[in-house]
Amino acid sequence: MKYQVLAYAETRGTATMYETDDYNTAKGWLVGYVRDGFGGWEEFLINNADGEPQSSFDEYGWTHY
């Protein structure tokens, strides 16, 4: 199964930032990415291969679905 880390910002739209076969690897990559700030993005989503959201991360922290 493939997981995608998507980034979203109202002014920039949506972009695929990272893909992996492992959910925990996706979460780890995202934690490393946001360690120094959001890079202009407002929210990040981790989706599974079917496009279903598994979790999101924003200024308030993690939300798991």
Protein backbone atom coordinates (compact mmCIF):
# COMPACT_ATOMS: atom_id res chain seq x y z
CA MET A 1 0.00 0.00 0.00
CA LYS A 2 1.28 3.44 -0.84
CA TYR A 3 0.93 6.51 1.36
CA GLN A 4 1.17 10.10 0.16
CA VAL A 5 2.01 13.18 2.18
CA LEU A 6 0.10 16.10 0.68
CA ALA A 7 0.63 19.75 1.57
CA TYR A 8 -2.06 22.41 1.31
CA ALA A 9 -2.12 26.20 1.46
CA GLU A 10 -4.95 28.45 0.34
CA THR A 11 -2.57 30.57 -1.73
CA ARG A 12 -0.62 27.62 -3.19
CA GLY A 13 -3.14 24.83 -3.61
CA THR A 14 -2.15 21.20 -3.02
CA ALA A 15 1.16 19.44 -3.70
CA THR A 16 2.39 15.88 -3.22
CA MET A 17 5.43 16.12 -0.97
CA TYR A 18 6.40 12.49 -0.31
CA GLU A 19 5.34 8.90 -1.10
CA THR A 20 6.17 5.68 0.73
CA ASP A 21 4.82 2.16 1.29
CA ASP A 22 4.78 2.59 5.07
CA TYR A 23 2.47 4.84 7.12
CA ASN A 24 4.98 5.33 9.94
CA THR A 25 7.67 6.32 7.43
CA ALA A 26 5.26 8.95 6.05
CA LYS A 27 4.64 10.29 9.57
CA GLY A 28 8.37 10.34 10.31
CA TRP A 29 9.14 12.22 7.12
CA LEU A 30 6.47 14.79 7.94
CA VAL A 31 7.76 15.30 11.48
CA GLY A 32 11.23 15.96 10.05
CA TYR A 33 9.85 18.34 7.44
CA VAL A 34 7.88 20.52 9.87
CA ARG A 35 10.62 20.56 12.51
CA ASP A 36 11.91 23.85 11.04
CA GLY A 37 8.49 25.27 10.15
CA PHE A 38 5.74 24.62 7.67
CA GLY A 39 7.55 26.02 4.65
CA GLY A 40 4.58 28.20 3.69
CA TRP A 41 2.06 25.33 3.88
CA GLU A 42 -0.99 25.43 6.16
CA GLU A 43 -1.86 21.75 6.51
CA PHE A 44 -0.47 18.32 5.67
CA LEU A 45 -2.47 15.17 4.96
CA ILE A 46 -1.36 11.55 4.82
CA ASN A 47 -3.58 9.58 2.44
CA ASN A 48 -3.59 5.85 1.69
CA ALA A 49 -3.49 4.35 -1.81
CA ASP A 50 -7.27 4.80 -2.17
CA GLY A 51 -6.98 8.53 -1.42
CA GLU A 52 -8.54 8.15 2.02
CA PRO A 53 -7.07 10.44 4.70
CA GLN A 54 -5.30 8.61 7.51
CA SER A 55 -4.11 11.65 9.44
CA SER A 56 -3.49 15.36 9.12
CA PHE A 57 -1.13 17.82 10.74
CA ASP A 58 -1.57 21.57 11.11
CA GLU A 59 -0.72 24.32 13.58
CA TYR A 60 -2.88 22.56 16.21
CA GLY A 61 -1.11 19.20 15.91
CA TRP A 62 -2.18 15.77 14.68
CA THR A 63 -5.67 14.55 13.77
CA HIS A 64 -6.09 10.83 13.11
CA TYR A 65 -9.00 9.45 11.10
